[in-house]
Structures are given as structure tokens and as C-alpha cells.
Amino acid sequence: MIAVHARYRGRETRRAELVRRSAEALATLPGVGTFEMVGVEDIRAHVMGPVETCDLIMALLSDGNWAIGLGVTQHGPAVFTATDAVGTRPAQVGVIVDTPEPATYASDIAATFLLIAHVFAKRTVEGREATSLVRRGLNQNEAAEELGISKQAMSQRLQAAGWQAEKAGWHLAVNLITQATAAAE
């Protein structure tokens, strides 16, 4: 079982409302269960599989205001493991994997998300727009047209935004979570 716990660490004054709206929006991602509200700033949910888990964590990391816990276990509800893993700093992903060799999986997954968070933190507004369109499935020509820029300008924005690093990090995270999940069975 896989679960994600997220703790809001932003500066919004109406935290409870923002966290509730975020939970509703995140629950619309494919393979993500209904979020349970835990207090005012925390939400947690079970997630279907490694791809869906990675997509959820990437969405939380791109916001930059969430401390995230990932739990992978076959012993009891994974949401409790995810809660134990959540850290205190924004854009930090804590990981607990309940396997015979948990430290290897957990530290590799956490390191991968740390690198992805670093890429996200360096992005400009234009870079966020460009990567968002491509992530939704548009090709570079379609995304450039939507933004009213040339294909060359779109390519430059994606390169400056670290799009290739994001894709590579996403694939690595999915592979590591897949291995950890298989080891936990």
C-alpha cells in the first residue's frame, strides 16, 4: 500500500480553506483516493500506484508550500506510515518504506524528490507555464501556439526550466517507488 501525507507550510492566513480546496483538487488526479483532513494543515490519502504517487508528489512539490510524507508498507494502513514520514520544511519529502532493506529505498526516493524540488524552485513563471502545457500532453508546437510564442522560444523556455531533468527525475522516482512497493509485498 502507498499513501501520501501533506502538511501545508505556506503563509496563507486562511489555511483551513486553502488546505480543504487543495485536497479536493488533488483528489481529482487519477489513482488518488479521497483525502482525509488531519487537523487544519494536514491531508493524507492512499494512492493507487507508483505513477499516481509520483504525479501527486510532483503537484505538491510544484506548489512549494507543502512538507510531504510518503509511506510504502504492507503492514497496516500506509497513511499512518506516511504521517510518520512527513517533515516540517516546505518542499521536503520524507519517505518510510517498510521492507527488509528500507533505508536504501527510502533515501533514494527522498533524494530523487529533493533534486526535483530544486529544479522546480529555480523555475521562472514562463518556465512554469511552458512545462505545465507540455506536462498536460501538448507538443512543443501546440504549447508555443497557446502561449503565442515561436517553437524556438518554447524550446528555450523548456530547456531553461529544466524540463528534461524533471522528466528524468519523474521516471527515476516511479522506478524507485515501483521497486519499493514490490519489496514490501
C-alpha atoms as a PDB file:
ATOM      1  CA  MET A   1       0.000   0.000   0.000  1.00  0.00           C
ATOM      2  CA  ILE A   2       1.106   3.533  -0.759  1.00  0.00           C
ATOM      3  CA  ALA A   3      -0.042   6.742   0.902  1.00  0.00           C
ATOM      4  CA  VAL A   4       0.931  10.396   0.886  1.00  0.00           C
ATOM      5  CA  HIS A   5       0.584  12.841   3.769  1.00  0.00           C
ATOM      6  CA  ALA A   6       0.976  16.567   3.069  1.00  0.00           C
ATOM      7  CA  ARG A   7       1.351  19.343   5.644  1.00  0.00           C
ATOM      8  CA  TYR A   8       0.775  22.933   4.480  1.00  0.00           C
ATOM      9  CA  ARG A   9       3.741  25.154   5.350  1.00  0.00           C
ATOM     10  CA  GLY A  10       2.839  28.294   3.391  1.00  0.00           C
ATOM     11  CA  ARG A  11       1.866  31.666   4.795  1.00  0.00           C
ATOM     12  CA  GLU A  12      -1.781  31.782   3.731  1.00  0.00           C
ATOM     13  CA  THR A  13      -3.904  33.276   6.503  1.00  0.00           C
ATOM     14  CA  ARG A  14      -6.978  31.170   5.688  1.00  0.00           C
ATOM     15  CA  ARG A  15      -5.101  27.888   5.877  1.00  0.00           C
ATOM     16  CA  ALA A  16      -8.030  25.587   6.593  1.00  0.00           C
ATOM     17  CA  GLU A  17      -9.901  26.713   3.489  1.00  0.00           C
ATOM     18  CA  LEU A  18      -6.816  26.516   1.269  1.00  0.00           C
ATOM     19  CA  VAL A  19      -5.944  23.037   2.544  1.00  0.00           C
ATOM     20  CA  ARG A  20      -9.539  21.834   2.005  1.00  0.00           C
ATOM     21  CA  ARG A  21      -9.626  23.214  -1.560  1.00  0.00           C
ATOM     22  CA  SER A  22      -6.209  21.703  -2.277  1.00  0.00           C
ATOM     23  CA  ALA A  23      -7.397  18.307  -1.029  1.00  0.00           C
ATOM     24  CA  GLU A  24     -10.424  18.469  -3.313  1.00  0.00           C
ATOM     25  CA  ALA A  25      -8.301  19.431  -6.328  1.00  0.00           C
ATOM     26  CA  LEU A  26      -5.621  16.801  -5.665  1.00  0.00           C
ATOM     27  CA  ALA A  27      -8.255  14.074  -5.245  1.00  0.00           C
ATOM     28  CA  THR A  28      -9.201  14.594  -8.908  1.00  0.00           C
ATOM     29  CA  LEU A  29      -5.815  13.235 -10.019  1.00  0.00           C
ATOM     30  CA  PRO A  30      -6.133   9.715 -11.450  1.00  0.00           C
ATOM     31  CA  GLY A  31      -5.496   6.971  -8.893  1.00  0.00           C
ATOM     32  CA  VAL A  32      -5.577   9.273  -5.868  1.00  0.00           C
ATOM     33  CA  GLY A  33      -8.081   8.425  -3.152  1.00  0.00           C
ATOM     34  CA  THR A  34     -10.202  10.834  -1.179  1.00  0.00           C
ATOM     35  CA  PHE A  35      -8.112  12.927   1.172  1.00  0.00           C
ATOM     36  CA  GLU A  36      -8.637  12.752   4.885  1.00  0.00           C
ATOM     37  CA  MET A  37      -8.272  16.081   6.685  1.00  0.00           C
ATOM     38  CA  VAL A  38      -5.976  15.731   9.699  1.00  0.00           C
ATOM     39  CA  GLY A  39      -6.264  18.906  11.716  1.00  0.00           C
ATOM     40  CA  VAL A  40      -6.099  22.276   9.971  1.00  0.00           C
ATOM     41  CA  GLU A  41      -2.931  21.949   7.878  1.00  0.00           C
ATOM     42  CA  ASP A  42      -2.651  18.244   7.068  1.00  0.00           C
ATOM     43  CA  ILE A  43      -4.186  15.974   4.443  1.00  0.00           C
ATOM     44  CA  ARG A  44      -3.489  12.347   3.610  1.00  0.00           C
ATOM     45  CA  ALA A  45      -4.715   9.729   1.163  1.00  0.00           C
ATOM     46  CA  HIS A  46      -3.986   6.293  -0.199  1.00  0.00           C
ATOM     47  CA  VAL A  47      -2.663   6.270  -3.753  1.00  0.00           C
ATOM     48  CA  MET A  48      -3.206   3.550  -6.379  1.00  0.00           C
ATOM     49  CA  GLY A  49       0.370   3.030  -7.622  1.00  0.00           C
ATOM     50  CA  PRO A  50       3.840   4.457  -8.263  1.00  0.00           C
ATOM     51  CA  VAL A  51       2.882   6.624 -11.274  1.00  0.00           C
ATOM     52  CA  GLU A  52      -0.055   8.180  -9.447  1.00  0.00           C
ATOM     53  CA  THR A  53       2.093   8.685  -6.339  1.00  0.00           C
ATOM     54  CA  CYS A  54       4.771  10.464  -8.326  1.00  0.00           C
ATOM     55  CA  ASP A  55       2.198  12.690 -10.063  1.00  0.00           C
ATOM     56  CA  LEU A  56       0.681  13.643  -6.697  1.00  0.00           C
ATOM     57  CA  ILE A  57       4.024  14.417  -5.070  1.00  0.00           C
ATOM     58  CA  MET A  58       5.130  16.436  -8.128  1.00  0.00           C
ATOM     59  CA  ALA A  59       1.925  18.502  -7.886  1.00  0.00           C
ATOM     60  CA  LEU A  60       2.616  19.199  -4.205  1.00  0.00           C
ATOM     61  CA  LEU A  61       6.292  19.996  -4.847  1.00  0.00           C
ATOM     62  CA  SER A  62       5.473  22.387  -7.683  1.00  0.00           C
ATOM     63  CA  ASP A  63       3.437  24.492  -5.247  1.00  0.00           C
ATOM     64  CA  GLY A  64       6.441  24.742  -2.922  1.00  0.00           C
ATOM     65  CA  ASN A  65       4.376  25.097   0.269  1.00  0.00           C
ATOM     66  CA  TRP A  66       3.929  21.505   1.383  1.00  0.00           C
ATOM     67  CA  ALA A  67       6.015  19.201   3.558  1.00  0.00           C
ATOM     68  CA  ILE A  68       5.329  15.714   2.239  1.00  0.00           C
ATOM     69  CA  GLY A  69       5.456  12.216   3.683  1.00  0.00           C
ATOM     70  CA  LEU A  70       5.410   9.056   1.572  1.00  0.00           C
ATOM     71  CA  GLY A  71       4.626   5.722   3.153  1.00  0.00           C
ATOM     72  CA  VAL A  72       5.034   2.328   1.473  1.00  0.00           C
ATOM     73  CA  THR A  73       4.020  -0.663   3.580  1.00  0.00           C
ATOM     74  CA  GLN A  74       2.146  -3.942   3.684  1.00  0.00           C
ATOM     75  CA  HIS A  75       1.831  -3.858   7.473  1.00  0.00           C
ATOM     76  CA  GLY A  76      -1.212  -1.776   8.384  1.00  0.00           C
ATOM     77  CA  PRO A  77      -2.598   1.362   6.750  1.00  0.00           C
ATOM     78  CA  ALA A  78       0.007   3.211   4.710  1.00  0.00           C
ATOM     79  CA  VAL A  79      -1.476   6.584   5.740  1.00  0.00           C
ATOM     80  CA  PHE A  80      -0.013   6.152   9.225  1.00  0.00           C
ATOM     81  CA  THR A  81       3.405   5.383   7.745  1.00  0.00           C
ATOM     82  CA  ALA A  82       3.103   8.474   5.517  1.00  0.00           C
ATOM     83  CA  THR A  83       2.171  10.573   8.563  1.00  0.00           C
ATOM     84  CA  ASP A  84       5.276   9.350  10.388  1.00  0.00           C
ATOM     85  CA  ALA A  85       7.390  10.284   7.332  1.00  0.00           C
ATOM     86  CA  VAL A  86       6.177  13.857   6.828  1.00  0.00           C
ATOM     87  CA  GLY A  87       8.761  16.506   7.633  1.00  0.00           C
ATOM     88  CA  THR A  88       8.475  20.096   8.736  1.00  0.00           C
ATOM     89  CA  ARG A  89      10.029  22.059   5.862  1.00  0.00           C
ATOM     90  CA  PRO A  90       8.265  23.040   2.647  1.00  0.00           C
ATOM     91  CA  ALA A  91       9.234  21.036  -0.468  1.00  0.00           C
ATOM     92  CA  GLN A  92      10.756  18.321   1.716  1.00  0.00           C
ATOM     93  CA  VAL A  93       9.712  14.714   1.073  1.00  0.00           C
ATOM     94  CA  GLY A  94      10.175  12.273   3.918  1.00  0.00           C
ATOM     95  CA  VAL A  95       9.924   8.606   2.993  1.00  0.00           C
ATOM     96  CA  ILE A  96       9.336   5.473   5.042  1.00  0.00           C
ATOM     97  CA  VAL A  97       9.434   2.133   3.252  1.00  0.00           C
ATOM     98  CA  ASP A  98       8.515  -0.933   5.294  1.00  0.00           C
ATOM     99  CA  THR A  99      10.735  -3.554   3.623  1.00  0.00           C
ATOM    100  CA  PRO A 100      13.644  -5.774   4.667  1.00  0.00           C
ATOM    101  CA  GLU A 101      16.062  -3.016   3.493  1.00  0.00           C
ATOM    102  CA  PRO A 102      14.009   0.157   3.974  1.00  0.00           C
ATOM    103  CA  ALA A 103      16.866   2.658   4.242  1.00  0.00           C
ATOM    104  CA  THR A 104      18.070   2.110   0.681  1.00  0.00           C
ATOM    105  CA  TYR A 105      14.677   2.656  -0.932  1.00  0.00           C
ATOM    106  CA  ALA A 106      13.644   5.493   1.359  1.00  0.00           C
ATOM    107  CA  SER A 107      16.831   7.519   0.972  1.00  0.00           C
ATOM    108  CA  ASP A 108      16.948   7.064  -2.817  1.00  0.00           C
ATOM    109  CA  ILE A 109      13.322   8.134  -3.246  1.00  0.00           C
ATOM    110  CA  ALA A 110      13.779  11.123  -0.933  1.00  0.00           C
ATOM    111  CA  ALA A 111      16.954  12.174  -2.792  1.00  0.00           C
ATOM    112  CA  THR A 112      15.177  11.981  -6.141  1.00  0.00           C
ATOM    113  CA  PHE A 113      12.380  14.250  -4.943  1.00  0.00           C
ATOM    114  CA  LEU A 114      14.912  16.639  -3.399  1.00  0.00           C
ATOM    115  CA  LEU A 115      16.522  17.060  -6.824  1.00  0.00           C
ATOM    116  CA  ILE A 116      13.135  17.554  -8.494  1.00  0.00           C
ATOM    117  CA  ALA A 117      12.179  20.169  -5.883  1.00  0.00           C
ATOM    118  CA  HIS A 118      15.420  22.002  -6.645  1.00  0.00           C
ATOM    119  CA  VAL A 119      14.549  22.100 -10.357  1.00  0.00           C
ATOM    120  CA  PHE A 120      11.062  23.433  -9.526  1.00  0.00           C
ATOM    121  CA  ALA A 121      12.438  26.128  -7.209  1.00  0.00           C
ATOM    122  CA  LYS A 122      14.642  27.556  -9.977  1.00  0.00           C
ATOM    123  CA  ARG A 123      11.800  27.956 -12.499  1.00  0.00           C
ATOM    124  CA  THR A 124      10.542  31.272 -13.743  1.00  0.00           C
ATOM    125  CA  VAL A 125       6.844  31.983 -14.296  1.00  0.00           C
ATOM    126  CA  GLU A 126       7.408  31.467 -18.034  1.00  0.00           C
ATOM    127  CA  GLY A 127       9.106  28.144 -17.353  1.00  0.00           C
ATOM    128  CA  ARG A 128       6.184  27.013 -15.192  1.00  0.00           C
ATOM    129  CA  GLU A 129       3.739  27.921 -17.962  1.00  0.00           C
ATOM    130  CA  ALA A 130       5.736  26.043 -20.590  1.00  0.00           C
ATOM    131  CA  THR A 131       6.256  22.874 -18.543  1.00  0.00           C
ATOM    132  CA  SER A 132       2.635  22.858 -17.416  1.00  0.00           C
ATOM    133  CA  LEU A 133       1.401  22.804 -21.009  1.00  0.00           C
ATOM    134  CA  VAL A 134       3.806  20.062 -22.082  1.00  0.00           C
ATOM    135  CA  ARG A 135       3.011  18.016 -18.950  1.00  0.00           C
ATOM    136  CA  ARG A 136      -0.693  18.192 -19.924  1.00  0.00           C
ATOM    137  CA  GLY A 137       0.176  16.460 -23.188  1.00  0.00           C
ATOM    138  CA  LEU A 138       0.632  19.295 -25.679  1.00  0.00           C
ATOM    139  CA  ASN A 139       3.602  19.032 -28.016  1.00  0.00           C
ATOM    140  CA  GLN A 140       6.023  21.957 -28.301  1.00  0.00           C
ATOM    141  CA  ASN A 141       4.281  23.402 -31.364  1.00  0.00           C
ATOM    142  CA  GLU A 142       0.849  23.329 -29.694  1.00  0.00           C
ATOM    143  CA  ALA A 143       2.215  24.772 -26.448  1.00  0.00           C
ATOM    144  CA  ALA A 144       4.056  27.541 -28.330  1.00  0.00           C
ATOM    145  CA  GLU A 145       0.869  28.409 -30.192  1.00  0.00           C
ATOM    146  CA  GLU A 146      -1.127  28.521 -26.959  1.00  0.00           C
ATOM    147  CA  LEU A 147       1.433  30.912 -25.424  1.00  0.00           C
ATOM    148  CA  GLY A 148       1.722  32.975 -28.619  1.00  0.00           C
ATOM    149  CA  ILE A 149       5.459  32.369 -28.980  1.00  0.00           C
ATOM    150  CA  SER A 150       7.669  30.661 -31.561  1.00  0.00           C
ATOM    151  CA  LYS A 151       8.607  26.986 -31.350  1.00  0.00           C
ATOM    152  CA  GLN A 152      12.212  28.048 -30.795  1.00  0.00           C
ATOM    153  CA  ALA A 153      11.188  30.276 -27.850  1.00  0.00           C
ATOM    154  CA  MET A 154       9.169  27.377 -26.418  1.00  0.00           C
ATOM    155  CA  SER A 155      12.162  25.060 -26.733  1.00  0.00           C
ATOM    156  CA  GLN A 156      14.351  27.626 -24.961  1.00  0.00           C
ATOM    157  CA  ARG A 157      11.821  28.010 -22.140  1.00  0.00           C
ATOM    158  CA  LEU A 158      11.632  24.269 -21.622  1.00  0.00           C
ATOM    159  CA  GLN A 159      15.406  23.963 -21.597  1.00  0.00           C
ATOM    160  CA  ALA A 160      15.811  26.839 -19.123  1.00  0.00           C
ATOM    161  CA  ALA A 161      13.058  25.346 -16.932  1.00  0.00           C
ATOM    162  CA  GLY A 162      14.873  22.018 -16.645  1.00  0.00           C
ATOM    163  CA  TRP A 163      12.143  20.049 -18.416  1.00  0.00           C
ATOM    164  CA  GLN A 164      14.492  17.173 -19.313  1.00  0.00           C
ATOM    165  CA  ALA A 165      15.685  16.941 -15.693  1.00  0.00           C
ATOM    166  CA  GLU A 166      12.072  16.898 -14.480  1.00  0.00           C
ATOM    167  CA  LYS A 167      11.159  14.068 -16.865  1.00  0.00           C
ATOM    168  CA  ALA A 168      14.235  12.063 -15.895  1.00  0.00           C
ATOM    169  CA  GLY A 169      13.525  12.616 -12.196  1.00  0.00           C
ATOM    170  CA  TRP A 170       9.898  11.572 -12.623  1.00  0.00           C
ATOM    171  CA  HIS A 171      10.928   8.307 -14.325  1.00  0.00           C
ATOM    172  CA  LEU A 172      13.531   7.606 -11.652  1.00  0.00           C
ATOM    173  CA  ALA A 173      11.032   8.257  -8.842  1.00  0.00           C
ATOM    174  CA  VAL A 174       8.436   5.980 -10.450  1.00  0.00           C
ATOM    175  CA  ASN A 175      11.023   3.202 -10.844  1.00  0.00           C
ATOM    176  CA  LEU A 176      12.210   3.520  -7.243  1.00  0.00           C
ATOM    177  CA  ILE A 177       8.659   3.552  -5.832  1.00  0.00           C
ATOM    178  CA  THR A 178       7.826   0.530  -8.008  1.00  0.00           C
ATOM    179  CA  GLN A 179      10.823  -1.354  -6.584  1.00  0.00           C
ATOM    180  CA  ALA A 180       9.980  -0.357  -3.020  1.00  0.00           C
ATOM    181  CA  THR A 181       6.356  -1.409  -3.470  1.00  0.00           C
ATOM    182  CA  ALA A 182       7.414  -4.799  -4.883  1.00  0.00           C
ATOM    183  CA  ALA A 183       9.837  -5.317  -1.987  1.00  0.00           C
ATOM    184  CA  ALA A 184       7.088  -4.503   0.528  1.00  0.00           C
ATOM    185  CA  GLU A 185       4.806  -7.251  -0.812  1.00  0.00           C
END
